[in-house]
């Protein structure tokens, strides 16, 4: 709600108590997938932060409650979450992401090597 972490999102799966510096969203699983809401809030981090006031862009509960969250069908939310989960895994998992990046860089290297070392026969 305040300062550098204003509008940052995370997921917590255990019961806990927070102080006034946190705004907790409880997602009704009949209406939305919590990961869909997490991804949407994360995507809109800068927009939410810009709603803050003062030098630290402080937010309040009313501003967060007034933020409209589009809620597509559960099937569409499931599709979106599965795609974003895959991209997140590729971006953060060294075992899957790094080998794919190495392959891409190797292909890039070979492309430029071939371009740089191909000469017109004169």
PDB file of N, CA and C in Angstrom:
ATOM      1  N   UNK A   1       0.809  -1.194   0.000  1.00  0.00           N
ATOM      2  CA  UNK A   1       0.000   0.000   0.000  1.00  0.00           C
ATOM      3  C   UNK A   1       0.862   1.271   0.000  1.00  0.00           C
ATOM      4  N   UNK A   2       2.114   1.160   0.496  1.00  0.00           N
ATOM      5  CA  UNK A   2       2.931   2.355   0.660  1.00  0.00           C
ATOM      6  C   UNK A   2       4.336   2.160   0.115  1.00  0.00           C
ATOM      7  N   UNK A   3       4.906   3.247  -0.352  1.00  0.00           N
ATOM      8  CA  UNK A   3       6.320   3.258  -0.709  1.00  0.00           C
ATOM      9  C   UNK A   3       6.695   2.418  -1.908  1.00  0.00           C
ATOM     10  N   UNK A   4       7.909   1.893  -1.868  1.00  0.00           N
ATOM     11  CA  UNK A   4       8.495   1.197  -3.019  1.00  0.00           C
ATOM     12  C   UNK A   4       7.723  -0.048  -3.418  1.00  0.00           C
ATOM     13  N   UNK A   5       7.027  -0.666  -2.481  1.00  0.00           N
ATOM     14  CA  UNK A   5       6.297  -1.900  -2.809  1.00  0.00           C
ATOM     15  C   UNK A   5       4.809  -1.659  -3.062  1.00  0.00           C
ATOM     16  N   UNK A   6       4.397  -0.415  -3.158  1.00  0.00           N
ATOM     17  CA  UNK A   6       2.982  -0.119  -3.420  1.00  0.00           C
ATOM     18  C   UNK A   6       2.530  -0.818  -4.696  1.00  0.00           C
ATOM     19  N   UNK A   7       1.408  -1.500  -4.614  1.00  0.00           N
ATOM     20  CA  UNK A   7       0.769  -2.200  -5.736  1.00  0.00           C
ATOM     21  C   UNK A   7       1.502  -3.458  -6.185  1.00  0.00           C
ATOM     22  N   UNK A   8       2.509  -3.892  -5.447  1.00  0.00           N
ATOM     23  CA  UNK A   8       3.158  -5.172  -5.771  1.00  0.00           C
ATOM     24  C   UNK A   8       2.216  -6.294  -5.359  1.00  0.00           C
ATOM     25  N   UNK A   9       2.206  -7.362  -6.147  1.00  0.00           N
ATOM     26  CA  UNK A   9       1.308  -8.479  -5.879  1.00  0.00           C
ATOM     27  C   UNK A   9       2.103  -9.741  -5.566  1.00  0.00           C
ATOM     28  N   UNK A  10       1.519 -10.585  -4.753  1.00  0.00           N
ATOM     29  CA  UNK A  10       2.078 -11.900  -4.484  1.00  0.00           C
ATOM     30  C   UNK A  10       0.927 -12.823  -4.102  1.00  0.00           C
ATOM     31  N   UNK A  11       1.219 -14.109  -4.068  1.00  0.00           N
ATOM     32  CA  UNK A  11       0.211 -15.102  -3.703  1.00  0.00           C
ATOM     33  C   UNK A  11       0.636 -15.745  -2.400  1.00  0.00           C
ATOM     34  N   UNK A  12      -0.313 -15.867  -1.496  1.00  0.00           N
ATOM     35  CA  UNK A  12      -0.062 -16.546  -0.238  1.00  0.00           C
ATOM     36  C   UNK A  12      -1.131 -17.611  -0.054  1.00  0.00           C
ATOM     37  N   UNK A  13      -0.718 -18.805   0.281  1.00  0.00           N
ATOM     38  CA  UNK A  13      -1.668 -19.907   0.398  1.00  0.00           C
ATOM     39  C   UNK A  13      -1.892 -20.381   1.829  1.00  0.00           C
ATOM     40  N   UNK A  14      -1.402 -19.623   2.796  1.00  0.00           N
ATOM     41  CA  UNK A  14      -1.622 -19.998   4.189  1.00  0.00           C
ATOM     42  C   UNK A  14      -2.343 -18.849   4.893  1.00  0.00           C
ATOM     43  N   UNK A  15      -3.032 -19.181   5.976  1.00  0.00           N
ATOM     44  CA  UNK A  15      -3.675 -18.136   6.762  1.00  0.00           C
ATOM     45  C   UNK A  15      -2.610 -17.287   7.425  1.00  0.00           C
ATOM     46  N   UNK A  16      -2.840 -15.988   7.423  1.00  0.00           N
ATOM     47  CA  UNK A  16      -1.896 -15.092   8.066  1.00  0.00           C
ATOM     48  C   UNK A  16      -2.584 -13.802   8.445  1.00  0.00           C
ATOM     49  N   UNK A  17      -1.883 -13.033   9.211  1.00  0.00           N
ATOM     50  CA  UNK A  17      -2.352 -11.714   9.595  1.00  0.00           C
ATOM     51  C   UNK A  17      -1.346 -10.711   9.064  1.00  0.00           C
ATOM     52  N   UNK A  18      -1.856  -9.620   8.514  1.00  0.00           N
ATOM     53  CA  UNK A  18      -0.964  -8.580   7.997  1.00  0.00           C
ATOM     54  C   UNK A  18      -1.251  -7.275   8.730  1.00  0.00           C
ATOM     55  N   UNK A  19      -0.389  -6.319   8.527  1.00  0.00           N
ATOM     56  CA  UNK A  19      -0.618  -5.011   9.118  1.00  0.00           C
ATOM     57  C   UNK A  19      -1.308  -4.103   8.099  1.00  0.00           C
ATOM     58  N   UNK A  20      -1.475  -2.848   8.460  1.00  0.00           N
ATOM     59  CA  UNK A  20      -2.196  -1.902   7.617  1.00  0.00           C
ATOM     60  C   UNK A  20      -1.455  -1.552   6.327  1.00  0.00           C
ATOM     61  N   UNK A  21      -0.224  -1.983   6.177  1.00  0.00           N
ATOM     62  CA  UNK A  21       0.543  -1.676   4.975  1.00  0.00           C
ATOM     63  C   UNK A  21       0.240  -2.648   3.836  1.00  0.00           C
ATOM     64  N   UNK A  22      -0.584  -3.669   4.097  1.00  0.00           N
ATOM     65  CA  UNK A  22      -0.928  -4.661   3.074  1.00  0.00           C
ATOM     66  C   UNK A  22      -2.426  -4.641   2.809  1.00  0.00           C
ATOM     67  N   UNK A  23      -2.770  -4.857   1.586  1.00  0.00           N
ATOM     68  CA  UNK A  23      -4.170  -5.013   1.209  1.00  0.00           C
ATOM     69  C   UNK A  23      -4.325  -6.444   0.708  1.00  0.00           C
ATOM     70  N   UNK A  24      -5.191  -7.190   1.330  1.00  0.00           N
ATOM     71  CA  UNK A  24      -5.359  -8.588   0.981  1.00  0.00           C
ATOM     72  C   UNK A  24      -6.630  -8.780   0.159  1.00  0.00           C
ATOM     73  N   UNK A  25      -6.500  -9.494  -0.929  1.00  0.00           N
ATOM     74  CA  UNK A  25      -7.658  -9.837  -1.750  1.00  0.00           C
ATOM     75  C   UNK A  25      -7.988 -11.304  -1.520  1.00  0.00           C
ATOM     76  N   UNK A  26      -9.211 -11.585  -1.183  1.00  0.00           N
ATOM     77  CA  UNK A  26      -9.657 -12.967  -1.075  1.00  0.00           C
ATOM     78  C   UNK A  26     -10.498 -13.238  -2.314  1.00  0.00           C
ATOM     79  N   UNK A  27     -10.063 -14.199  -3.101  1.00  0.00           N
ATOM     80  CA  UNK A  27     -10.696 -14.477  -4.387  1.00  0.00           C
ATOM     81  C   UNK A  27     -11.738 -15.577  -4.221  1.00  0.00           C
ATOM     82  N   UNK A  28     -12.938 -15.311  -4.678  1.00  0.00           N
ATOM     83  CA  UNK A  28     -14.003 -16.313  -4.666  1.00  0.00           C
ATOM     84  C   UNK A  28     -13.710 -17.296  -5.796  1.00  0.00           C
ATOM     85  N   UNK A  29     -13.377 -18.541  -5.478  1.00  0.00           N
ATOM     86  CA  UNK A  29     -12.990 -19.505  -6.518  1.00  0.00           C
ATOM     87  C   UNK A  29     -14.122 -19.841  -7.492  1.00  0.00           C
ATOM     88  N   UNK A  30     -15.347 -19.461  -7.163  1.00  0.00           N
ATOM     89  CA  UNK A  30     -16.464 -19.668  -8.099  1.00  0.00           C
ATOM     90  C   UNK A  30     -16.493 -18.581  -9.178  1.00  0.00           C
ATOM     91  N   UNK A  31     -15.806 -17.474  -8.910  1.00  0.00           N
ATOM     92  CA  UNK A  31     -15.821 -16.346  -9.837  1.00  0.00           C
ATOM     93  C   UNK A  31     -14.515 -16.169 -10.597  1.00  0.00           C
ATOM     94  N   UNK A  32     -13.404 -16.467  -9.935  1.00  0.00           N
ATOM     95  CA  UNK A  32     -12.105 -16.212 -10.571  1.00  0.00           C
ATOM     96  C   UNK A  32     -11.038 -17.137 -10.006  1.00  0.00           C
ATOM     97  N   UNK A  33     -10.054 -17.409 -10.838  1.00  0.00           N
ATOM     98  CA  UNK A  33      -8.873 -18.151 -10.403  1.00  0.00           C
ATOM     99  C   UNK A  33      -7.916 -17.162  -9.743  1.00  0.00           C
ATOM    100  N   UNK A  34      -7.388 -17.536  -8.581  1.00  0.00           N
ATOM    101  CA  UNK A  34      -6.506 -16.610  -7.879  1.00  0.00           C
ATOM    102  C   UNK A  34      -5.277 -16.263  -8.720  1.00  0.00           C
ATOM    103  N   UNK A  35      -4.784 -17.226  -9.510  1.00  0.00           N
ATOM    104  CA  UNK A  35      -3.596 -16.932 -10.324  1.00  0.00           C
ATOM    105  C   UNK A  35      -3.937 -15.972 -11.464  1.00  0.00           C
ATOM    106  N   UNK A  36      -5.161 -16.048 -11.983  1.00  0.00           N
ATOM    107  CA  UNK A  36      -5.590 -15.090 -13.005  1.00  0.00           C
ATOM    108  C   UNK A  36      -5.564 -13.679 -12.405  1.00  0.00           C
ATOM    109  N   UNK A  37      -6.132 -13.524 -11.210  1.00  0.00           N
ATOM    110  CA  UNK A  37      -6.158 -12.210 -10.563  1.00  0.00           C
ATOM    111  C   UNK A  37      -4.733 -11.751 -10.265  1.00  0.00           C
ATOM    112  N   UNK A  38      -3.893 -12.663  -9.803  1.00  0.00           N
ATOM    113  CA  UNK A  38      -2.492 -12.320  -9.540  1.00  0.00           C
ATOM    114  C   UNK A  38      -1.808 -11.795 -10.801  1.00  0.00           C
ATOM    115  N   UNK A  39      -1.944 -12.523 -11.901  1.00  0.00           N
ATOM    116  CA  UNK A  39      -1.312 -12.084 -13.148  1.00  0.00           C
ATOM    117  C   UNK A  39      -1.864 -10.734 -13.601  1.00  0.00           C
ATOM    118  N   UNK A  40      -3.162 -10.536 -13.449  1.00  0.00           N
ATOM    119  CA  UNK A  40      -3.777  -9.275 -13.878  1.00  0.00           C
ATOM    120  C   UNK A  40      -3.282  -8.113 -13.015  1.00  0.00           C
ATOM    121  N   UNK A  41      -3.230  -8.323 -11.700  1.00  0.00           N
ATOM    122  CA  UNK A  41      -2.741  -7.270 -10.805  1.00  0.00           C
ATOM    123  C   UNK A  41      -1.263  -6.990 -11.088  1.00  0.00           C
ATOM    124  N   UNK A  42      -0.486  -8.040 -11.302  1.00  0.00           N
ATOM    125  CA  UNK A  42       0.935  -7.854 -11.607  1.00  0.00           C
ATOM    126  C   UNK A  42       1.126  -7.073 -12.897  1.00  0.00           C
ATOM    127  N   UNK A  43       0.328  -7.393 -13.913  1.00  0.00           N
ATOM    128  CA  UNK A  43       0.410  -6.687 -15.191  1.00  0.00           C
ATOM    129  C   UNK A  43       0.094  -5.204 -15.014  1.00  0.00           C
ATOM    130  N   UNK A  44      -0.815  -4.894 -14.111  1.00  0.00           N
ATOM    131  CA  UNK A  44      -1.264  -3.515 -13.907  1.00  0.00           C
ATOM    132  C   UNK A  44      -0.550  -2.817 -12.753  1.00  0.00           C
ATOM    133  N   UNK A  45       0.601  -3.347 -12.356  1.00  0.00           N
ATOM    134  CA  UNK A  45       1.350  -2.780 -11.233  1.00  0.00           C
ATOM    135  C   UNK A  45       1.568  -1.283 -11.388  1.00  0.00           C
ATOM    136  N   UNK A  46       2.096  -0.863 -12.515  1.00  0.00           N
ATOM    137  CA  UNK A  46       2.406   0.563 -12.705  1.00  0.00           C
ATOM    138  C   UNK A  46       1.143   1.414 -12.707  1.00  0.00           C
ATOM    139  N   UNK A  47       0.079   0.905 -13.331  1.00  0.00           N
ATOM    140  CA  UNK A  47      -1.189   1.641 -13.336  1.00  0.00           C
ATOM    141  C   UNK A  47      -1.726   1.792 -11.917  1.00  0.00           C
ATOM    142  N   UNK A  48      -1.732   0.706 -11.160  1.00  0.00           N
ATOM    143  CA  UNK A  48      -2.204   0.775  -9.774  1.00  0.00           C
ATOM    144  C   UNK A  48      -1.344   1.726  -8.953  1.00  0.00           C
ATOM    145  N   UNK A  49      -0.045   1.622  -9.136  1.00  0.00           N
ATOM    146  CA  UNK A  49       0.859   2.494  -8.384  1.00  0.00           C
ATOM    147  C   UNK A  49       0.600   3.964  -8.722  1.00  0.00           C
ATOM    148  N   UNK A  50       0.271   4.235  -9.971  1.00  0.00           N
ATOM    149  CA  UNK A  50       0.020   5.624 -10.385  1.00  0.00           C
ATOM    150  C   UNK A  50      -1.244   6.204  -9.750  1.00  0.00           C
ATOM    151  N   UNK A  51      -2.108   5.350  -9.234  1.00  0.00           N
ATOM    152  CA  UNK A  51      -3.314   5.817  -8.547  1.00  0.00           C
ATOM    153  C   UNK A  51      -3.000   6.340  -7.154  1.00  0.00           C
ATOM    154  N   UNK A  52      -1.794   6.045  -6.671  1.00  0.00           N
ATOM    155  CA  UNK A  52      -1.394   6.471  -5.338  1.00  0.00           C
ATOM    156  C   UNK A  52      -1.215   7.966  -5.243  1.00  0.00           C
ATOM    157  N   UNK A  53      -1.138   8.411  -4.014  1.00  0.00           N
ATOM    158  CA  UNK A  53      -0.993   9.848  -3.751  1.00  0.00           C
ATOM    159  C   UNK A  53       0.253  10.110  -2.925  1.00  0.00           C
ATOM    160  N   UNK A  54       0.730  11.317  -2.995  1.00  0.00           N
ATOM    161  CA  UNK A  54       1.878  11.716  -2.201  1.00  0.00           C
ATOM    162  C   UNK A  54       3.186  11.327  -2.860  1.00  0.00           C
ATOM    163  N   UNK A  55       4.257  11.647  -2.193  1.00  0.00           N
ATOM    164  CA  UNK A  55       5.585  11.404  -2.762  1.00  0.00           C
ATOM    165  C   UNK A  55       5.916   9.922  -2.856  1.00  0.00           C
ATOM    166  N   UNK A  56       5.238   9.085  -2.062  1.00  0.00           N
ATOM    167  CA  UNK A  56       5.502   7.650  -2.107  1.00  0.00           C
ATOM    168  C   UNK A  56       4.424   6.877  -2.883  1.00  0.00           C
ATOM    169  N   UNK A  57       3.516   7.575  -3.539  1.00  0.00           N
ATOM    170  CA  UNK A  57       2.419   6.924  -4.263  1.00  0.00           C
ATOM    171  C   UNK A  57       1.633   5.975  -3.356  1.00  0.00           C
ATOM    172  N   UNK A  58       1.240   6.450  -2.192  1.00  0.00           N
ATOM    173  CA  UNK A  58       0.507   5.624  -1.250  1.00  0.00           C
ATOM    174  C   UNK A  58      -0.895   5.318  -1.753  1.00  0.00           C
ATOM    175  N   UNK A  59      -1.271   4.055  -1.629  1.00  0.00           N
ATOM    176  CA  UNK A  59      -2.608   3.615  -2.015  1.00  0.00           C
ATOM    177  C   UNK A  59      -3.476   3.472  -0.778  1.00  0.00           C
ATOM    178  N   UNK A  60      -4.785   3.399  -0.998  1.00  0.00           N
ATOM    179  CA  UNK A  60      -5.691   3.080   0.095  1.00  0.00           C
ATOM    180  C   UNK A  60      -6.657   1.998  -0.381  1.00  0.00           C
ATOM    181  N   UNK A  61      -7.377   1.403   0.555  1.00  0.00           N
ATOM    182  CA  UNK A  61      -8.255   0.275   0.230  1.00  0.00           C
ATOM    183  C   UNK A  61      -9.330   0.673  -0.773  1.00  0.00           C
ATOM    184  N   UNK A  62      -9.847   1.881  -0.695  1.00  0.00           N
ATOM    185  CA  UNK A  62     -10.895   2.315  -1.634  1.00  0.00           C
ATOM    186  C   UNK A  62     -10.387   2.308  -3.063  1.00  0.00           C
ATOM    187  N   UNK A  63      -9.173   2.788  -3.280  1.00  0.00           N
ATOM    188  CA  UNK A  63      -8.619   2.807  -4.640  1.00  0.00           C
ATOM    189  C   UNK A  63      -8.464   1.389  -5.181  1.00  0.00           C
ATOM    190  N   UNK A  64      -8.080   0.475  -4.330  1.00  0.00           N
ATOM    191  CA  UNK A  64      -7.918  -0.909  -4.771  1.00  0.00           C
ATOM    192  C   UNK A  64      -9.285  -1.543  -5.016  1.00  0.00           C
ATOM    193  N   UNK A  65     -10.243  -1.287  -4.129  1.00  0.00           N
ATOM    194  CA  UNK A  65     -11.600  -1.822  -4.320  1.00  0.00           C
ATOM    195  C   UNK A  65     -12.243  -1.280  -5.589  1.00  0.00           C
ATOM    196  N   UNK A  66     -11.928  -0.052  -5.948  1.00  0.00           N
ATOM    197  CA  UNK A  66     -12.511   0.560  -7.143  1.00  0.00           C
ATOM    198  C   UNK A  66     -11.836   0.117  -8.436  1.00  0.00           C
ATOM    199  N   UNK A  67     -10.700  -0.557  -8.333  1.00  0.00           N
ATOM    200  CA  UNK A  67      -9.993  -1.013  -9.527  1.00  0.00           C
ATOM    201  C   UNK A  67     -10.791  -2.148 -10.176  1.00  0.00           C
ATOM    202  N   UNK A  68     -11.149  -1.963 -11.429  1.00  0.00           N
ATOM    203  CA  UNK A  68     -11.982  -2.937 -12.138  1.00  0.00           C
ATOM    204  C   UNK A  68     -11.125  -4.087 -12.652  1.00  0.00           C
ATOM    205  N   UNK A  69     -11.528  -5.296 -12.300  1.00  0.00           N
ATOM    206  CA  UNK A  69     -10.846  -6.498 -12.761  1.00  0.00           C
ATOM    207  C   UNK A  69     -11.761  -7.206 -13.750  1.00  0.00           C
ATOM    208  N   UNK A  70     -11.392  -7.231 -15.023  1.00  0.00           N
ATOM    209  CA  UNK A  70     -12.220  -7.968 -15.985  1.00  0.00           C
ATOM    210  C   UNK A  70     -12.187  -9.460 -15.665  1.00  0.00           C
ATOM    211  N   UNK A  71     -13.336 -10.085 -15.673  1.00  0.00           N
ATOM    212  CA  UNK A  71     -13.424 -11.498 -15.308  1.00  0.00           C
ATOM    213  C   UNK A  71     -14.040 -12.282 -16.461  1.00  0.00           C
ATOM    214  N   UNK A  72     -13.201 -12.843 -17.321  1.00  0.00           N
ATOM    215  CA  UNK A  72     -13.715 -13.687 -18.402  1.00  0.00           C
ATOM    216  C   UNK A  72     -14.210 -15.026 -17.841  1.00  0.00           C
ATOM    217  N   UNK A  73     -14.698 -15.876 -18.693  1.00  0.00           N
ATOM    218  CA  UNK A  73     -15.172 -17.193 -18.264  1.00  0.00           C
ATOM    219  C   UNK A  73     -14.047 -17.963 -17.578  1.00  0.00           C
ATOM    220  N   UNK A  74     -14.435 -18.935 -16.778  1.00  0.00           N
ATOM    221  CA  UNK A  74     -13.434 -19.766 -16.090  1.00  0.00           C
ATOM    222  C   UNK A  74     -12.561 -20.489 -17.107  1.00  0.00           C
ATOM    223  N   UNK A  75     -13.142 -20.901 -18.219  1.00  0.00           N
ATOM    224  CA  UNK A  75     -12.355 -21.576 -19.257  1.00  0.00           C
ATOM    225  C   UNK A  75     -11.277 -20.653 -19.811  1.00  0.00           C
ATOM    226  N   UNK A  76     -11.647 -19.396 -20.055  1.00  0.00           N
ATOM    227  CA  UNK A  76     -10.671 -18.430 -20.577  1.00  0.00           C
ATOM    228  C   UNK A  76      -9.614 -18.110 -19.520  1.00  0.00           C
ATOM    229  N   UNK A  77     -10.020 -17.970 -18.272  1.00  0.00           N
ATOM    230  CA  UNK A  77      -9.048 -17.739 -17.206  1.00  0.00           C
ATOM    231  C   UNK A  77      -8.064 -18.904 -17.118  1.00  0.00           C
ATOM    232  N   UNK A  78      -8.581 -20.118 -17.222  1.00  0.00           N
ATOM    233  CA  UNK A  78      -7.728 -21.310 -17.169  1.00  0.00           C
ATOM    234  C   UNK A  78      -6.729 -21.303 -18.313  1.00  0.00           C
ATOM    235  N   UNK A  79      -7.187 -20.944 -19.496  1.00  0.00           N
ATOM    236  CA  UNK A  79      -6.308 -20.878 -20.671  1.00  0.00           C
ATOM    237  C   UNK A  79      -5.215 -19.836 -20.452  1.00  0.00           C
ATOM    238  N   UNK A  80      -5.600 -18.665 -19.999  1.00  0.00           N
ATOM    239  CA  UNK A  80      -4.641 -17.576 -19.769  1.00  0.00           C
ATOM    240  C   UNK A  80      -3.608 -17.985 -18.721  1.00  0.00           C
ATOM    241  N   UNK A  81      -4.071 -18.543 -17.616  1.00  0.00           N
ATOM    242  CA  UNK A  81      -3.164 -18.944 -16.534  1.00  0.00           C
ATOM    243  C   UNK A  81      -2.204 -20.025 -17.004  1.00  0.00           C
ATOM    244  N   UNK A  82      -2.692 -20.994 -17.774  1.00  0.00           N
ATOM    245  CA  UNK A  82      -1.796 -22.071 -18.213  1.00  0.00           C
ATOM    246  C   UNK A  82      -0.702 -21.529 -19.131  1.00  0.00           C
ATOM    247  N   UNK A  83      -1.030 -20.598 -20.000  1.00  0.00           N
ATOM    248  CA  UNK A  83      -0.029 -19.996 -20.887  1.00  0.00           C
ATOM    249  C   UNK A  83       0.980 -19.183 -20.078  1.00  0.00           C
ATOM    250  N   UNK A  84       0.477 -18.347 -19.163  1.00  0.00           N
ATOM    251  CA  UNK A  84       1.383 -17.512 -18.371  1.00  0.00           C
ATOM    252  C   UNK A  84       2.235 -18.350 -17.420  1.00  0.00           C
ATOM    253  N   UNK A  85       1.676 -19.428 -16.884  1.00  0.00           N
ATOM    254  CA  UNK A  85       2.471 -20.330 -16.048  1.00  0.00           C
ATOM    255  C   UNK A  85       3.630 -20.922 -16.842  1.00  0.00           C
ATOM    256  N   UNK A  86       3.348 -21.301 -18.081  1.00  0.00           N
ATOM    257  CA  UNK A  86       4.390 -21.871 -18.929  1.00  0.00           C
ATOM    258  C   UNK A  86       5.491 -20.856 -19.189  1.00  0.00           C
ATOM    259  N   UNK A  87       5.119 -19.630 -19.554  1.00  0.00           N
ATOM    260  CA  UNK A  87       6.121 -18.597 -19.794  1.00  0.00           C
ATOM    261  C   UNK A  87       6.904 -18.278 -18.522  1.00  0.00           C
ATOM    262  N   UNK A  88       6.218 -18.249 -17.382  1.00  0.00           N
ATOM    263  CA  UNK A  88       6.920 -17.978 -16.136  1.00  0.00           C
ATOM    264  C   UNK A  88       7.916 -19.083 -15.821  1.00  0.00           C
ATOM    265  N   UNK A  89       7.518 -20.317 -16.073  1.00  0.00           N
ATOM    266  CA  UNK A  89       8.433 -21.439 -15.842  1.00  0.00           C
ATOM    267  C   UNK A  89       9.644 -21.336 -16.758  1.00  0.00           C
ATOM    268  N   UNK A  90       9.423 -20.998 -18.010  1.00  0.00           N
ATOM    269  CA  UNK A  90      10.545 -20.862 -18.938  1.00  0.00           C
ATOM    270  C   UNK A  90      11.472 -19.731 -18.537  1.00  0.00           C
ATOM    271  N   UNK A  91      10.893 -18.671 -17.989  1.00  0.00           N
ATOM    272  CA  UNK A  91      11.698 -17.510 -17.611  1.00  0.00           C
ATOM    273  C   UNK A  91      12.453 -17.716 -16.307  1.00  0.00           C
ATOM    274  N   UNK A  92      11.950 -18.590 -15.442  1.00  0.00           N
ATOM    275  CA  UNK A  92      12.563 -18.712 -14.122  1.00  0.00           C
ATOM    276  C   UNK A  92      13.206 -20.061 -13.844  1.00  0.00           C
ATOM    277  N   UNK A  93      12.859 -21.082 -14.594  1.00  0.00           N
ATOM    278  CA  UNK A  93      13.386 -22.418 -14.344  1.00  0.00           C
ATOM    279  C   UNK A  93      14.655 -22.627 -15.155  1.00  0.00           C
ATOM    280  N   UNK A  94      15.762 -22.753 -14.465  1.00  0.00           N
ATOM    281  CA  UNK A  94      17.042 -22.922 -15.156  1.00  0.00           C
ATOM    282  C   UNK A  94      17.076 -24.187 -15.997  1.00  0.00           C
ATOM    283  N   UNK A  95      16.417 -25.251 -15.547  1.00  0.00           N
ATOM    284  CA  UNK A  95      16.482 -26.504 -16.286  1.00  0.00           C
ATOM    285  C   UNK A  95      15.721 -26.444 -17.600  1.00  0.00           C
ATOM    286  N   UNK A  96      14.640 -25.666 -17.678  1.00  0.00           N
ATOM    287  CA  UNK A  96      13.912 -25.589 -18.943  1.00  0.00           C
ATOM    288  C   UNK A  96      14.240 -24.313 -19.706  1.00  0.00           C
ATOM    289  N   UNK A  97      14.363 -23.200 -18.993  1.00  0.00           N
ATOM    290  CA  UNK A  97      14.594 -21.925 -19.662  1.00  0.00           C
ATOM    291  C   UNK A  97      15.995 -21.764 -20.209  1.00  0.00           C
ATOM    292  N   UNK A  98      16.983 -22.138 -19.447  1.00  0.00           N
ATOM    293  CA  UNK A  98      18.365 -21.953 -19.866  1.00  0.00           C
ATOM    294  C   UNK A  98      18.724 -22.768 -21.105  1.00  0.00           C
ATOM    295  N   UNK A  99      18.382 -24.055 -21.174  1.00  0.00           N
ATOM    296  CA  UNK A  99      18.690 -24.796 -22.399  1.00  0.00           C
ATOM    297  C   UNK A  99      18.027 -24.192 -23.637  1.00  0.00           C
ATOM    298  N   UNK A 100      16.789 -23.735 -23.509  1.00  0.00           N
ATOM    299  CA  UNK A 100      16.108 -23.110 -24.647  1.00  0.00           C
ATOM    300  C   UNK A 100      16.818 -21.829 -25.062  1.00  0.00           C
ATOM    301  N   UNK A 101      17.281 -21.065 -24.089  1.00  0.00           N
ATOM    302  CA  UNK A 101      18.021 -19.832 -24.382  1.00  0.00           C
ATOM    303  C   UNK A 101      19.356 -20.151 -25.053  1.00  0.00           C
ATOM    304  N   UNK A 102      20.027 -21.188 -24.595  1.00  0.00           N
ATOM    305  CA  UNK A 102      21.302 -21.594 -25.200  1.00  0.00           C
ATOM    306  C   UNK A 102      21.089 -21.997 -26.653  1.00  0.00           C
ATOM    307  N   UNK A 103      20.046 -22.765 -26.923  1.00  0.00           N
ATOM    308  CA  UNK A 103      19.744 -23.165 -28.304  1.00  0.00           C
ATOM    309  C   UNK A 103      19.485 -21.934 -29.158  1.00  0.00           C
ATOM    310  N   UNK A 104      18.704 -20.996 -28.648  1.00  0.00           N
ATOM    311  CA  UNK A 104      18.393 -19.778 -29.411  1.00  0.00           C
ATOM    312  C   UNK A 104      19.666 -18.972 -29.686  1.00  0.00           C
ATOM    313  N   UNK A 105      20.544 -18.824 -28.698  1.00  0.00           N
ATOM    314  CA  UNK A 105      21.792 -18.072 -28.890  1.00  0.00           C
ATOM    315  C   UNK A 105      22.714 -18.789 -29.864  1.00  0.00           C
ATOM    316  N   UNK A 106      22.737 -20.129 -29.822  1.00  0.00           N
ATOM    317  CA  UNK A 106      23.566 -20.902 -30.740  1.00  0.00           C
ATOM    318  C   UNK A 106      23.089 -20.686 -32.181  1.00  0.00           C
ATOM    319  N   UNK A 107      21.782 -20.705 -32.372  1.00  0.00           N
ATOM    320  CA  UNK A 107      21.229 -20.463 -33.711  1.00  0.00           C
ATOM    321  C   UNK A 107      21.545 -19.046 -34.172  1.00  0.00           C
ATOM    322  N   UNK A 108      21.454 -18.087 -33.253  1.00  0.00           N
ATOM    323  CA  UNK A 108      21.776 -16.700 -33.587  1.00  0.00           C
ATOM    324  C   UNK A 108      23.252 -16.585 -33.972  1.00  0.00           C
ATOM    325  N   UNK A 109      24.109 -17.231 -33.206  1.00  0.00           N
ATOM    326  CA  UNK A 109      25.540 -17.210 -33.502  1.00  0.00           C
ATOM    327  C   UNK A 109      25.808 -17.786 -34.894  1.00  0.00           C
ATOM    328  N   UNK A 110      25.221 -18.939 -35.187  1.00  0.00           N
ATOM    329  CA  UNK A 110      25.447 -19.581 -36.481  1.00  0.00           C
ATOM    330  C   UNK A 110      24.947 -18.706 -37.623  1.00  0.00           C
ATOM    331  N   UNK A 111      23.818 -18.060 -37.443  1.00  0.00           N
ATOM    332  CA  UNK A 111      23.272 -17.173 -38.472  1.00  0.00           C
ATOM    333  C   UNK A 111      24.264 -16.042 -38.773  1.00  0.00           C
ATOM    334  N   UNK A 112      24.712 -15.350 -37.715  1.00  0.00           N
ATOM    335  CA  UNK A 112      25.629 -14.228 -37.927  1.00  0.00           C
ATOM    336  C   UNK A 112      27.004 -14.694 -38.397  1.00  0.00           C
ATOM    337  N   UNK A 113      27.469 -15.826 -37.919  1.00  0.00           N
ATOM    338  CA  UNK A 113      28.732 -16.375 -38.392  1.00  0.00           C
ATOM    339  C   UNK A 113      28.664 -16.610 -39.895  1.00  0.00           C
ATOM    340  N   UNK A 114      27.584 -17.245 -40.344  1.00  0.00           N
ATOM    341  CA  UNK A 114      27.423 -17.520 -41.778  1.00  0.00           C
ATOM    342  C   UNK A 114      27.314 -16.237 -42.582  1.00  0.00           C
ATOM    343  N   UNK A 115      26.604 -15.242 -42.058  1.00  0.00           N
ATOM    344  CA  UNK A 115      26.485 -13.948 -42.764  1.00  0.00           C
ATOM    345  C   UNK A 115      27.847 -13.261 -42.865  1.00  0.00           C
ATOM    346  N   UNK A 116      28.582 -13.257 -41.762  1.00  0.00           N
ATOM    347  CA  UNK A 116      29.863 -12.540 -41.730  1.00  0.00           C
ATOM    348  C   UNK A 116      30.949 -13.240 -42.553  1.00  0.00           C
ATOM    349  N   UNK A 117      30.844 -14.546 -42.676  1.00  0.00           N
ATOM    350  CA  UNK A 117      31.900 -15.291 -43.364  1.00  0.00           C
ATOM    351  C   UNK A 117      31.511 -15.777 -44.757  1.00  0.00           C
ATOM    352  N   UNK A 118      30.451 -15.190 -45.307  1.00  0.00           N
ATOM    353  CA  UNK A 118      30.052 -15.526 -46.672  1.00  0.00           C
ATOM    354  C   UNK A 118      30.478 -14.364 -47.564  1.00  0.00           C
ATOM    355  N   UNK A 119      31.337 -14.681 -48.564  1.00  0.00           N
ATOM    356  CA  UNK A 119      31.880 -13.657 -49.442  1.00  0.00           C
ATOM    357  C   UNK A 119      31.475 -13.955 -50.875  1.00  0.00           C
ATOM    358  N   UNK A 120      31.297 -12.903 -51.614  1.00  0.00           N
ATOM    359  CA  UNK A 120      31.028 -13.074 -53.053  1.00  0.00           C
ATOM    360  C   UNK A 120      32.323 -13.530 -53.726  1.00  0.00           C
ATOM    361  N   UNK A 121      32.203 -14.523 -54.568  1.00  0.00           N
ATOM    362  CA  UNK A 121      33.372 -14.981 -55.332  1.00  0.00           C
ATOM    363  C   UNK A 121      33.644 -13.958 -56.429  1.00  0.00           C
ATOM    364  N   UNK A 122      34.811 -13.414 -56.437  1.00  0.00           N
ATOM    365  CA  UNK A 122      35.121 -12.385 -57.432  1.00  0.00           C
ATOM    366  C   UNK A 122      36.173 -12.878 -58.394  1.00  0.00           C
TER     367      UNK A 122
END
